[in-house]
């Protein structure tokens, strides 16, 4: 019993530490965020309410001139399950030009998405786009990899975050601490570097956004 209570308290303490140390980097408001060259948009189940909100937030971030390029990262199993492909298509429909979108098909988990953003796509600072419960962990991972990161909190689902996702995120934060500080995960066999090139994007924006 004592061991179980101690383990539970340790889990709660680790989660509180992740939230408290990253809280200031998260924002619900686009206006409060600094400009970053790239936004890292993290994937989840295609056509889900969570992903739809992330796409809407990423498009708004781009159109507000807060980022110049969107890196959409997630898992692609086949043409029926394709997180990056779904995000790319929806962003194009939202008026983001194709030249401002890069797809990473090997963002199997948040750790992979962040490391590949840095190592493959040359991203050293970014705005992360996901839901608040996820952004805390993503910012922690980015910072641990030497990146400057802020995060835009996309809205939750209308009915809120399901309890199962809340418990999953609690476990994921503990696993992230293990990966980052105790038993570092070796990098996978990655693709050759393809640094994202961004120039002036004024021609892609409306006169109000220039």
N, C-alpha and C. Protein backbone atom coordinates (compact mmCIF):
# COMPACT_ATOMS: atom_id res chain seq x y z
N UNK A 1 0.83 -1.21 0.00
CA UNK A 1 0.00 0.00 0.00
C UNK A 1 0.86 1.26 0.00
N UNK A 2 1.90 1.26 0.87
CA UNK A 2 2.78 2.43 0.94
C UNK A 2 3.48 2.65 -0.39
N UNK A 3 3.90 1.54 -1.02
CA UNK A 3 4.58 1.64 -2.32
C UNK A 3 3.64 2.23 -3.37
N UNK A 4 2.39 1.80 -3.36
CA UNK A 4 1.42 2.29 -4.34
C UNK A 4 1.15 3.78 -4.13
N UNK A 5 1.01 4.18 -2.86
CA UNK A 5 0.78 5.59 -2.56
C UNK A 5 1.99 6.43 -2.98
N UNK A 6 3.18 5.92 -2.71
CA UNK A 6 4.40 6.65 -3.08
C UNK A 6 4.51 6.79 -4.59
N UNK A 7 4.18 5.72 -5.31
CA UNK A 7 4.23 5.78 -6.78
C UNK A 7 3.22 6.78 -7.30
N UNK A 8 2.02 6.78 -6.72
CA UNK A 8 1.01 7.73 -7.16
C UNK A 8 1.43 9.17 -6.91
N UNK A 9 2.01 9.43 -5.77
CA UNK A 9 2.47 10.78 -5.45
C UNK A 9 3.60 11.21 -6.39
N UNK A 10 4.47 10.26 -6.72
CA UNK A 10 5.58 10.57 -7.63
C UNK A 10 5.05 10.93 -9.02
N UNK A 11 4.06 10.19 -9.48
CA UNK A 11 3.45 10.47 -10.79
C UNK A 11 2.81 11.85 -10.80
N UNK A 12 2.08 12.17 -9.74
CA UNK A 12 1.45 13.49 -9.65
C UNK A 12 2.49 14.60 -9.60
N UNK A 13 3.59 14.37 -8.87
CA UNK A 13 4.64 15.37 -8.75
C UNK A 13 5.33 15.61 -10.10
N UNK A 14 5.60 14.54 -10.82
CA UNK A 14 6.24 14.67 -12.13
C UNK A 14 5.35 15.43 -13.10
N UNK A 15 4.05 15.13 -13.08
CA UNK A 15 3.12 15.83 -13.97
C UNK A 15 3.02 17.30 -13.60
N UNK A 16 2.98 17.59 -12.32
CA UNK A 16 2.93 18.99 -11.89
C UNK A 16 4.18 19.73 -12.33
N UNK A 17 5.32 19.09 -12.25
CA UNK A 17 6.59 19.72 -12.67
C UNK A 17 6.56 20.03 -14.16
N UNK A 18 6.08 19.09 -14.98
CA UNK A 18 6.01 19.32 -16.42
C UNK A 18 5.11 20.53 -16.71
N UNK A 19 3.97 20.59 -16.07
CA UNK A 19 3.03 21.69 -16.31
C UNK A 19 3.61 23.02 -15.85
N UNK A 20 4.16 23.06 -14.65
CA UNK A 20 4.64 24.32 -14.09
C UNK A 20 5.84 24.88 -14.85
N UNK A 21 6.71 24.00 -15.32
CA UNK A 21 7.93 24.47 -15.99
C UNK A 21 7.68 24.89 -17.44
N UNK A 22 6.53 24.54 -17.98
CA UNK A 22 6.25 24.90 -19.38
C UNK A 22 5.08 25.87 -19.53
N UNK A 23 4.40 26.16 -18.44
CA UNK A 23 3.15 26.92 -18.49
C UNK A 23 3.30 28.26 -19.22
N UNK A 24 4.39 28.98 -18.96
CA UNK A 24 4.56 30.31 -19.54
C UNK A 24 4.79 30.29 -21.04
N UNK A 25 5.14 29.13 -21.58
CA UNK A 25 5.38 29.03 -23.02
C UNK A 25 4.10 28.78 -23.81
N UNK A 26 3.01 28.47 -23.11
CA UNK A 26 1.74 28.14 -23.77
C UNK A 26 0.81 29.35 -23.80
N UNK A 27 0.05 29.45 -24.88
CA UNK A 27 -0.90 30.56 -24.98
C UNK A 27 -2.16 30.11 -25.72
N UNK A 28 -3.30 30.65 -25.27
CA UNK A 28 -4.56 30.44 -25.97
C UNK A 28 -4.75 31.48 -27.07
N UNK A 29 -3.93 32.53 -27.04
CA UNK A 29 -4.11 33.68 -27.93
C UNK A 29 -2.97 33.78 -28.94
N UNK A 30 -3.30 33.86 -30.21
CA UNK A 30 -2.29 34.04 -31.25
C UNK A 30 -1.56 35.36 -31.06
N UNK A 31 -2.28 36.39 -30.67
CA UNK A 31 -1.67 37.72 -30.52
C UNK A 31 -0.56 37.74 -29.49
N UNK A 32 -0.63 36.89 -28.50
CA UNK A 32 0.37 36.88 -27.42
C UNK A 32 1.64 36.12 -27.78
N UNK A 33 1.64 35.44 -28.91
CA UNK A 33 2.78 34.61 -29.29
C UNK A 33 3.81 35.42 -30.08
N UNK A 34 5.10 35.12 -29.90
CA UNK A 34 6.12 35.76 -30.73
C UNK A 34 6.13 35.16 -32.13
N UNK A 35 6.78 35.83 -33.05
CA UNK A 35 6.93 35.28 -34.39
C UNK A 35 8.00 34.20 -34.39
N UNK A 36 7.70 33.08 -35.02
CA UNK A 36 8.68 32.03 -35.28
C UNK A 36 8.62 31.71 -36.76
N UNK A 37 9.75 31.32 -37.29
CA UNK A 37 9.81 30.99 -38.72
C UNK A 37 8.91 29.79 -39.04
N UNK A 38 8.86 28.82 -38.14
CA UNK A 38 8.16 27.56 -38.40
C UNK A 38 7.21 27.23 -37.25
N UNK A 39 6.06 26.68 -37.60
CA UNK A 39 5.16 26.08 -36.61
C UNK A 39 5.20 24.57 -36.81
N UNK A 40 5.33 23.85 -35.72
CA UNK A 40 5.28 22.39 -35.75
C UNK A 40 3.87 21.97 -35.35
N UNK A 41 3.13 21.42 -36.31
CA UNK A 41 1.74 21.03 -36.07
C UNK A 41 1.72 19.52 -35.85
N UNK A 42 1.34 19.11 -34.65
CA UNK A 42 1.41 17.70 -34.27
C UNK A 42 0.13 16.96 -34.64
N UNK A 43 0.31 15.77 -35.18
CA UNK A 43 -0.81 15.00 -35.69
C UNK A 43 -1.53 14.19 -34.63
N UNK A 44 -2.73 13.79 -34.98
CA UNK A 44 -3.52 12.85 -34.19
C UNK A 44 -4.51 12.20 -35.15
N UNK A 45 -5.50 11.50 -34.63
CA UNK A 45 -6.40 10.72 -35.48
C UNK A 45 -7.05 11.60 -36.56
N UNK A 46 -6.90 11.23 -37.85
CA UNK A 46 -7.51 12.02 -38.92
C UNK A 46 -9.02 12.17 -38.75
N UNK A 47 -9.51 13.35 -39.17
CA UNK A 47 -10.95 13.66 -39.15
C UNK A 47 -11.52 13.64 -37.73
N UNK A 48 -10.65 13.73 -36.73
CA UNK A 48 -11.14 13.85 -35.35
C UNK A 48 -11.31 15.32 -35.01
N UNK A 49 -12.09 15.59 -33.99
CA UNK A 49 -12.32 16.96 -33.56
C UNK A 49 -11.02 17.61 -33.10
N UNK A 50 -10.16 16.83 -32.46
CA UNK A 50 -8.88 17.37 -32.00
C UNK A 50 -8.02 17.82 -33.18
N UNK A 51 -7.93 16.99 -34.21
CA UNK A 51 -7.11 17.35 -35.36
C UNK A 51 -7.71 18.54 -36.11
N UNK A 52 -9.02 18.56 -36.25
CA UNK A 52 -9.67 19.69 -36.93
C UNK A 52 -9.33 21.01 -36.24
N UNK A 53 -9.35 21.01 -34.92
CA UNK A 53 -9.04 22.23 -34.18
C UNK A 53 -7.56 22.61 -34.34
N UNK A 54 -6.68 21.64 -34.41
CA UNK A 54 -5.26 21.94 -34.61
C UNK A 54 -5.03 22.57 -35.99
N UNK A 55 -5.73 22.04 -36.98
CA UNK A 55 -5.59 22.59 -38.34
C UNK A 55 -6.10 24.03 -38.39
N UNK A 56 -7.26 24.26 -37.78
CA UNK A 56 -7.81 25.62 -37.76
C UNK A 56 -6.87 26.58 -37.05
N UNK A 57 -6.28 26.14 -35.93
CA UNK A 57 -5.36 26.99 -35.18
C UNK A 57 -4.10 27.27 -35.98
N UNK A 58 -3.58 26.25 -36.67
CA UNK A 58 -2.36 26.42 -37.46
C UNK A 58 -2.59 27.38 -38.62
N UNK A 59 -3.73 27.24 -39.29
CA UNK A 59 -4.05 28.14 -40.40
C UNK A 59 -4.19 29.58 -39.91
N UNK A 60 -4.85 29.76 -38.78
CA UNK A 60 -5.01 31.11 -38.22
C UNK A 60 -3.66 31.70 -37.83
N UNK A 61 -2.78 30.88 -37.30
CA UNK A 61 -1.44 31.32 -36.92
C UNK A 61 -0.68 31.80 -38.14
N UNK A 62 -0.78 31.05 -39.22
CA UNK A 62 -0.10 31.44 -40.47
C UNK A 62 -0.69 32.72 -41.04
N UNK A 63 -1.98 32.79 -41.14
CA UNK A 63 -2.63 33.96 -41.75
C UNK A 63 -2.43 35.22 -40.91
N UNK A 64 -2.17 35.05 -39.62
CA UNK A 64 -1.90 36.20 -38.76
C UNK A 64 -0.46 36.69 -38.90
N UNK A 65 0.35 35.97 -39.68
CA UNK A 65 1.74 36.36 -39.88
C UNK A 65 2.66 36.01 -38.73
N UNK A 66 2.21 35.12 -37.84
CA UNK A 66 3.04 34.73 -36.70
C UNK A 66 4.05 33.65 -37.04
N UNK A 67 3.83 32.93 -38.14
CA UNK A 67 4.80 31.96 -38.64
C UNK A 67 4.83 32.07 -40.17
N UNK A 68 5.93 31.61 -40.75
CA UNK A 68 6.09 31.65 -42.20
C UNK A 68 5.88 30.30 -42.85
N UNK A 69 5.95 29.23 -42.05
CA UNK A 69 5.90 27.88 -42.63
C UNK A 69 5.30 26.94 -41.60
N UNK A 70 4.56 25.93 -42.10
CA UNK A 70 3.94 24.93 -41.25
C UNK A 70 4.54 23.57 -41.52
N UNK A 71 5.11 22.95 -40.50
CA UNK A 71 5.62 21.58 -40.58
C UNK A 71 4.60 20.68 -39.92
N UNK A 72 3.89 19.89 -40.74
CA UNK A 72 2.87 18.98 -40.20
C UNK A 72 3.49 17.61 -40.03
N UNK A 73 3.42 17.11 -38.81
CA UNK A 73 4.15 15.87 -38.49
C UNK A 73 3.22 14.87 -37.82
N UNK A 74 3.24 13.65 -38.32
CA UNK A 74 2.39 12.62 -37.74
C UNK A 74 2.66 11.27 -38.37
N UNK A 75 1.75 10.35 -38.14
CA UNK A 75 1.92 8.96 -38.57
C UNK A 75 1.11 8.70 -39.84
N UNK A 76 1.77 8.05 -40.78
CA UNK A 76 1.07 7.63 -41.99
C UNK A 76 1.22 6.12 -42.14
N UNK A 77 0.09 5.42 -42.06
CA UNK A 77 0.10 3.96 -42.23
C UNK A 77 -0.16 3.60 -43.69
N UNK A 78 -1.17 4.21 -44.26
CA UNK A 78 -1.50 3.99 -45.66
C UNK A 78 -2.41 5.14 -46.08
N UNK A 79 -3.00 5.03 -47.28
CA UNK A 79 -3.83 6.14 -47.75
C UNK A 79 -5.12 6.29 -46.95
N UNK A 80 -5.45 5.29 -46.16
CA UNK A 80 -6.66 5.37 -45.35
C UNK A 80 -6.38 5.99 -43.97
N UNK A 81 -5.13 5.89 -43.53
CA UNK A 81 -4.76 6.53 -42.25
C UNK A 81 -3.50 7.33 -42.49
N UNK A 82 -3.68 8.63 -42.64
CA UNK A 82 -2.57 9.51 -43.03
C UNK A 82 -2.74 10.85 -42.32
N UNK A 83 -2.12 10.97 -41.15
CA UNK A 83 -2.25 12.21 -40.37
C UNK A 83 -1.66 13.41 -41.12
N UNK A 84 -0.40 13.34 -41.60
CA UNK A 84 0.17 14.51 -42.29
C UNK A 84 -0.60 14.86 -43.57
N UNK A 85 -1.03 13.83 -44.32
CA UNK A 85 -1.77 14.08 -45.56
C UNK A 85 -3.09 14.76 -45.29
N UNK A 86 -3.78 14.33 -44.23
CA UNK A 86 -5.05 14.95 -43.87
C UNK A 86 -4.84 16.41 -43.49
N UNK A 87 -3.79 16.68 -42.70
CA UNK A 87 -3.51 18.05 -42.28
C UNK A 87 -3.14 18.92 -43.47
N UNK A 88 -2.32 18.40 -44.36
CA UNK A 88 -1.89 19.17 -45.52
C UNK A 88 -3.09 19.57 -46.38
N UNK A 89 -3.96 18.60 -46.67
CA UNK A 89 -5.12 18.88 -47.51
C UNK A 89 -6.03 19.92 -46.87
N UNK A 90 -6.24 19.81 -45.56
CA UNK A 90 -7.11 20.75 -44.87
C UNK A 90 -6.49 22.15 -44.82
N UNK A 91 -5.20 22.24 -44.67
CA UNK A 91 -4.53 23.54 -44.65
C UNK A 91 -4.61 24.21 -46.02
N UNK A 92 -4.48 23.42 -47.07
CA UNK A 92 -4.64 23.98 -48.42
C UNK A 92 -6.05 24.53 -48.59
N UNK A 93 -7.04 23.80 -48.11
CA UNK A 93 -8.43 24.26 -48.18
C UNK A 93 -8.63 25.54 -47.36
N UNK A 94 -7.79 25.72 -46.32
CA UNK A 94 -7.90 26.90 -45.47
C UNK A 94 -7.11 28.09 -46.02
N UNK A 95 -6.56 27.94 -47.21
CA UNK A 95 -5.90 29.06 -47.85
C UNK A 95 -4.41 29.18 -47.59
N UNK A 96 -3.81 28.18 -46.96
CA UNK A 96 -2.36 28.18 -46.77
C UNK A 96 -1.72 27.68 -48.06
N UNK A 97 -0.77 28.41 -48.65
CA UNK A 97 -0.17 27.98 -49.91
C UNK A 97 0.66 26.71 -49.75
N UNK A 98 0.69 25.91 -50.79
CA UNK A 98 1.44 24.65 -50.74
C UNK A 98 2.91 24.87 -50.41
N UNK A 99 3.47 25.98 -50.88
CA UNK A 99 4.88 26.27 -50.64
C UNK A 99 5.19 26.53 -49.17
N UNK A 100 4.15 26.76 -48.37
CA UNK A 100 4.35 27.06 -46.95
C UNK A 100 4.07 25.84 -46.07
N UNK A 101 3.96 24.66 -46.66
CA UNK A 101 3.66 23.44 -45.90
C UNK A 101 4.69 22.37 -46.20
N UNK A 102 5.24 21.77 -45.16
CA UNK A 102 6.12 20.60 -45.29
C UNK A 102 5.51 19.47 -44.49
N UNK A 103 5.49 18.27 -45.06
CA UNK A 103 4.90 17.10 -44.39
C UNK A 103 6.00 16.16 -43.91
N UNK A 104 5.93 15.78 -42.65
CA UNK A 104 6.82 14.76 -42.09
C UNK A 104 5.98 13.52 -41.82
N UNK A 105 6.24 12.46 -42.57
CA UNK A 105 5.43 11.25 -42.48
C UNK A 105 5.92 10.29 -41.41
N UNK A 106 6.98 10.67 -40.70
CA UNK A 106 7.55 9.74 -39.72
C UNK A 106 7.51 10.30 -38.31
N UNK A 107 6.52 11.12 -38.04
CA UNK A 107 6.33 11.61 -36.68
C UNK A 107 5.51 10.61 -35.90
N UNK A 108 6.11 9.46 -35.61
CA UNK A 108 5.38 8.35 -34.99
C UNK A 108 4.90 8.70 -33.58
N UNK A 109 5.63 9.55 -32.90
CA UNK A 109 5.22 10.04 -31.59
C UNK A 109 5.82 11.43 -31.41
N UNK A 110 5.43 12.10 -30.34
CA UNK A 110 5.85 13.48 -30.16
C UNK A 110 7.36 13.62 -30.14
N UNK A 111 8.04 12.71 -29.47
CA UNK A 111 9.51 12.74 -29.42
C UNK A 111 10.10 12.69 -30.82
N UNK A 112 9.57 11.82 -31.68
CA UNK A 112 10.08 11.72 -33.05
C UNK A 112 9.81 13.01 -33.82
N UNK A 113 8.61 13.56 -33.68
CA UNK A 113 8.26 14.79 -34.40
C UNK A 113 9.21 15.92 -34.05
N UNK A 114 9.51 16.08 -32.77
CA UNK A 114 10.39 17.16 -32.33
C UNK A 114 11.82 16.93 -32.80
N UNK A 115 12.33 15.72 -32.62
CA UNK A 115 13.71 15.46 -33.02
C UNK A 115 13.90 15.59 -34.53
N UNK A 116 12.93 15.13 -35.28
CA UNK A 116 13.04 15.23 -36.73
C UNK A 116 12.89 16.69 -37.19
N UNK A 117 12.08 17.46 -36.49
CA UNK A 117 11.97 18.88 -36.82
C UNK A 117 13.35 19.53 -36.70
N UNK A 118 14.07 19.19 -35.65
CA UNK A 118 15.40 19.78 -35.44
C UNK A 118 16.44 19.18 -36.39
N UNK A 119 16.52 17.85 -36.43
CA UNK A 119 17.63 17.19 -37.11
C UNK A 119 17.44 17.08 -38.62
N UNK A 120 16.22 16.90 -39.07
CA UNK A 120 15.96 16.74 -40.51
C UNK A 120 15.60 18.07 -41.16
N UNK A 121 14.76 18.84 -40.48
CA UNK A 121 14.22 20.04 -41.11
C UNK A 121 14.87 21.34 -40.62
N UNK A 122 15.87 21.20 -39.75
CA UNK A 122 16.66 22.36 -39.34
C UNK A 122 15.93 23.38 -38.50
N UNK A 123 14.92 22.95 -37.76
CA UNK A 123 14.13 23.87 -36.94
C UNK A 123 14.79 24.01 -35.57
N UNK A 124 15.19 25.21 -35.22
CA UNK A 124 15.79 25.47 -33.90
C UNK A 124 14.86 26.25 -32.98
N UNK A 125 13.84 26.88 -33.53
CA UNK A 125 12.83 27.55 -32.73
C UNK A 125 11.50 27.41 -33.46
N UNK A 126 10.42 27.29 -32.70
CA UNK A 126 9.13 27.05 -33.36
C UNK A 126 7.98 27.35 -32.43
N UNK A 127 6.81 27.44 -33.02
CA UNK A 127 5.55 27.44 -32.28
C UNK A 127 4.92 26.07 -32.48
N UNK A 128 4.63 25.38 -31.41
CA UNK A 128 4.00 24.07 -31.47
C UNK A 128 2.49 24.24 -31.44
N UNK A 129 1.79 23.49 -32.26
CA UNK A 129 0.32 23.58 -32.29
C UNK A 129 -0.27 22.23 -31.90
N UNK A 130 -0.97 22.22 -30.79
CA UNK A 130 -1.71 21.04 -30.35
C UNK A 130 -2.68 21.51 -29.25
N UNK A 131 -3.33 20.56 -28.59
CA UNK A 131 -4.16 20.94 -27.45
C UNK A 131 -3.28 21.19 -26.22
N UNK A 132 -3.81 21.95 -25.27
CA UNK A 132 -3.02 22.34 -24.11
C UNK A 132 -2.46 21.14 -23.36
N UNK A 133 -3.28 20.11 -23.16
CA UNK A 133 -2.81 18.96 -22.39
C UNK A 133 -1.59 18.31 -23.03
N UNK A 134 -1.47 18.42 -24.35
CA UNK A 134 -0.35 17.84 -25.09
C UNK A 134 0.82 18.80 -25.21
N UNK A 135 0.52 20.10 -25.28
CA UNK A 135 1.56 21.10 -25.49
C UNK A 135 2.59 21.15 -24.37
N UNK A 136 2.16 20.90 -23.14
CA UNK A 136 3.12 20.91 -22.03
C UNK A 136 4.26 19.93 -22.29
N UNK A 137 3.90 18.73 -22.67
CA UNK A 137 4.91 17.69 -22.91
C UNK A 137 5.74 18.02 -24.15
N UNK A 138 5.09 18.51 -25.20
CA UNK A 138 5.81 18.82 -26.43
C UNK A 138 6.85 19.92 -26.22
N UNK A 139 6.49 20.95 -25.46
CA UNK A 139 7.43 22.03 -25.17
C UNK A 139 8.60 21.51 -24.33
N UNK A 140 8.31 20.67 -23.35
CA UNK A 140 9.39 20.08 -22.55
C UNK A 140 10.38 19.33 -23.44
N UNK A 141 9.86 18.51 -24.35
CA UNK A 141 10.73 17.74 -25.24
C UNK A 141 11.55 18.66 -26.12
N UNK A 142 10.92 19.70 -26.66
CA UNK A 142 11.64 20.63 -27.53
C UNK A 142 12.76 21.33 -26.77
N UNK A 143 12.47 21.80 -25.58
CA UNK A 143 13.49 22.48 -24.79
C UNK A 143 14.66 21.55 -24.48
N UNK A 144 14.35 20.32 -24.14
CA UNK A 144 15.39 19.35 -23.81
C UNK A 144 16.30 19.09 -25.01
N UNK A 145 15.78 19.32 -26.21
CA UNK A 145 16.57 19.15 -27.42
C UNK A 145 17.15 20.47 -27.93
N UNK A 146 17.22 21.44 -27.04
CA UNK A 146 17.90 22.68 -27.34
C UNK A 146 17.12 23.64 -28.22
N UNK A 147 15.83 23.44 -28.35
CA UNK A 147 15.00 24.30 -29.19
C UNK A 147 14.29 25.36 -28.35
N UNK A 148 14.09 26.52 -28.94
CA UNK A 148 13.24 27.55 -28.33
C UNK A 148 11.82 27.29 -28.81
N UNK A 149 10.91 27.08 -27.88
CA UNK A 149 9.56 26.69 -28.28
C UNK A 149 8.50 27.42 -27.48
N UNK A 150 7.50 27.92 -28.19
CA UNK A 150 6.25 28.36 -27.59
C UNK A 150 5.16 27.46 -28.14
N UNK A 151 3.95 27.59 -27.64
CA UNK A 151 2.88 26.70 -28.11
C UNK A 151 1.56 27.44 -28.16
N UNK A 152 0.80 27.15 -29.21
CA UNK A 152 -0.57 27.66 -29.34
C UNK A 152 -1.52 26.54 -28.94
N UNK A 153 -2.38 26.82 -27.97
CA UNK A 153 -3.34 25.82 -27.52
C UNK A 153 -4.56 25.82 -28.43
N UNK A 154 -4.69 24.78 -29.22
CA UNK A 154 -5.90 24.60 -30.02
C UNK A 154 -7.05 24.22 -29.08
N UNK A 155 -8.28 24.56 -29.43
CA UNK A 155 -9.41 24.21 -28.56
C UNK A 155 -9.53 22.70 -28.36
N UNK A 156 -10.06 22.31 -27.21
CA UNK A 156 -10.38 20.91 -26.95
C UNK A 156 -11.62 20.52 -27.75
N UNK A 157 -11.99 19.27 -27.64
CA UNK A 157 -13.25 18.83 -28.20
C UNK A 157 -14.39 19.53 -27.46
N UNK A 158 -15.54 19.61 -28.08
CA UNK A 158 -16.70 20.30 -27.50
C UNK A 158 -17.03 19.73 -26.12
N UNK A 159 -16.92 18.43 -25.98
CA UNK A 159 -17.23 17.78 -24.71
C UNK A 159 -16.02 17.69 -23.79
N UNK A 160 -14.92 18.37 -24.17
CA UNK A 160 -13.72 18.34 -23.34
C UNK A 160 -12.83 17.16 -23.69
N UNK A 161 -11.74 17.04 -22.94
CA UNK A 161 -10.80 15.95 -23.16
C UNK A 161 -11.29 14.69 -22.46
N UNK A 162 -11.46 13.60 -23.19
CA UNK A 162 -11.94 12.37 -22.56
C UNK A 162 -11.02 11.93 -21.42
N UNK A 163 -11.60 11.29 -20.42
CA UNK A 163 -10.84 10.86 -19.25
C UNK A 163 -9.69 9.94 -19.66
N UNK A 164 -9.95 9.06 -20.64
CA UNK A 164 -8.90 8.13 -21.06
C UNK A 164 -7.71 8.87 -21.62
N UNK A 165 -7.93 9.99 -22.32
CA UNK A 165 -6.82 10.77 -22.86
C UNK A 165 -6.07 11.49 -21.75
N UNK A 166 -6.78 11.93 -20.74
CA UNK A 166 -6.13 12.58 -19.62
C UNK A 166 -5.19 11.62 -18.90
N UNK A 167 -5.65 10.39 -18.68
CA UNK A 167 -4.80 9.39 -18.03
C UNK A 167 -3.65 8.99 -18.94
N UNK A 168 -3.93 8.92 -20.24
CA UNK A 168 -2.87 8.59 -21.19
C UNK A 168 -1.78 9.66 -21.18
N UNK A 169 -2.18 10.92 -21.10
CA UNK A 169 -1.20 12.01 -21.09
C UNK A 169 -0.40 12.02 -19.80
N UNK A 170 -1.02 11.69 -18.68
CA UNK A 170 -0.28 11.59 -17.42
C UNK A 170 0.83 10.55 -17.54
N UNK A 171 0.50 9.40 -18.12
CA UNK A 171 1.50 8.36 -18.32
C UNK A 171 2.56 8.80 -19.34
N UNK A 172 2.13 9.50 -20.40
CA UNK A 172 3.06 9.93 -21.44
C UNK A 172 4.06 10.94 -20.91
N UNK A 173 3.64 11.81 -19.99
CA UNK A 173 4.57 12.77 -19.41
C UNK A 173 5.64 12.06 -18.59
N UNK A 174 5.24 11.07 -17.84
CA UNK A 174 6.22 10.30 -17.06
C UNK A 174 7.18 9.57 -17.99
N UNK A 175 6.65 9.00 -19.07
CA UNK A 175 7.50 8.30 -20.03
C UNK A 175 8.47 9.27 -20.70
N UNK A 176 8.01 10.50 -20.98
CA UNK A 176 8.87 11.50 -21.60
C UNK A 176 10.03 11.86 -20.68
N UNK A 177 9.76 12.01 -19.39
CA UNK A 177 10.83 12.30 -18.43
C UNK A 177 11.84 11.16 -18.41
N UNK A 178 11.35 9.93 -18.47
CA UNK A 178 12.24 8.77 -18.51
C UNK A 178 13.10 8.82 -19.77
N UNK A 179 12.48 9.11 -20.91
CA UNK A 179 13.21 9.17 -22.18
C UNK A 179 14.23 10.30 -22.20
N UNK A 180 13.88 11.43 -21.64
CA UNK A 180 14.71 12.63 -21.77
C UNK A 180 15.83 12.70 -20.75
N UNK A 181 15.59 12.19 -19.52
CA UNK A 181 16.53 12.42 -18.44
C UNK A 181 17.18 11.16 -17.87
N UNK A 182 16.56 10.02 -18.06
CA UNK A 182 17.05 8.82 -17.39
C UNK A 182 17.57 7.77 -18.37
N UNK A 183 16.74 7.38 -19.31
CA UNK A 183 17.13 6.38 -20.31
C UNK A 183 16.91 6.94 -21.70
N UNK A 184 17.79 7.85 -22.14
CA UNK A 184 17.59 8.49 -23.44
C UNK A 184 17.42 7.49 -24.57
N UNK A 185 16.42 7.74 -25.41
CA UNK A 185 16.12 6.87 -26.54
C UNK A 185 17.05 7.22 -27.70
N UNK A 186 17.78 6.23 -28.26
CA UNK A 186 18.65 6.55 -29.40
C UNK A 186 17.82 6.99 -30.59
N UNK A 187 18.35 7.93 -31.37
CA UNK A 187 17.58 8.40 -32.54
C UNK A 187 17.41 7.29 -33.56
N UNK A 188 16.28 7.25 -34.24
CA UNK A 188 16.06 6.25 -35.28
C UNK A 188 16.93 6.55 -36.50
N UNK A 189 16.97 5.63 -37.44
CA UNK A 189 17.67 5.88 -38.70
C UNK A 189 16.87 6.91 -39.48
N UNK A 190 17.36 8.14 -39.48
CA UNK A 190 16.59 9.23 -40.05
C UNK A 190 16.92 9.46 -41.51
N UNK A 191 16.11 10.29 -42.14
CA UNK A 191 16.32 10.67 -43.53
C UNK A 191 17.44 11.70 -43.62
N UNK A 192 17.95 11.93 -44.83
CA UNK A 192 18.95 13.00 -45.01
C UNK A 192 18.34 14.34 -44.64
N UNK A 193 19.15 15.27 -44.14
CA UNK A 193 18.63 16.60 -43.79
C UNK A 193 17.97 17.30 -44.97
N UNK A 194 16.84 17.93 -44.70
CA UNK A 194 16.12 18.73 -45.69
C UNK A 194 15.66 20.02 -45.02
N UNK A 195 16.60 20.93 -44.73
CA UNK A 195 16.23 22.15 -44.01
C UNK A 195 15.11 22.92 -44.70
N UNK A 196 14.15 23.36 -43.91
CA UNK A 196 13.05 24.16 -44.45
C UNK A 196 13.58 25.53 -44.83
N UNK A 197 13.31 25.94 -46.05
CA UNK A 197 13.73 27.25 -46.53
C UNK A 197 12.52 28.17 -46.52
N UNK A 198 12.66 29.29 -45.87
CA UNK A 198 11.58 30.28 -45.87
C UNK A 198 12.15 31.62 -46.26
N UNK A 199 11.47 32.28 -47.18
CA UNK A 199 11.85 33.64 -47.55
C UNK A 199 10.72 34.56 -47.21
N UNK A 200 10.61 35.62 -47.92
CA UNK A 200 9.49 36.54 -47.70
C UNK A 200 8.22 35.88 -48.18
N UNK A 201 7.19 35.91 -47.36
CA UNK A 201 5.91 35.31 -47.74
C UNK A 201 4.85 36.37 -47.93
N UNK A 202 5.29 37.61 -48.09
CA UNK A 202 4.31 38.70 -48.18
C UNK A 202 3.37 38.54 -49.36
N UNK A 203 3.90 37.94 -50.46
CA UNK A 203 3.05 37.80 -51.65
C UNK A 203 1.93 36.81 -51.43
N UNK A 204 2.04 35.96 -50.39
CA UNK A 204 1.02 34.96 -50.13
C UNK A 204 -0.06 35.46 -49.19
N UNK A 205 0.11 36.67 -48.65
CA UNK A 205 -0.81 37.16 -47.65
C UNK A 205 -1.67 38.30 -48.20
N UNK A 206 -2.75 38.55 -47.53
CA UNK A 206 -3.60 39.66 -47.92
C UNK A 206 -2.95 40.96 -47.52
N UNK A 207 -3.37 42.11 -48.07
CA UNK A 207 -2.77 43.39 -47.71
C UNK A 207 -2.82 43.67 -46.21
N UNK A 208 -3.84 43.18 -45.50
CA UNK A 208 -3.94 43.41 -44.06
C UNK A 208 -2.91 42.62 -43.27
N UNK A 209 -2.36 41.55 -43.90
CA UNK A 209 -1.44 40.69 -43.19
C UNK A 209 0.02 41.00 -43.53
N UNK A 210 0.27 41.92 -44.46
CA UNK A 210 1.64 42.21 -44.86
C UNK A 210 2.32 43.16 -43.88
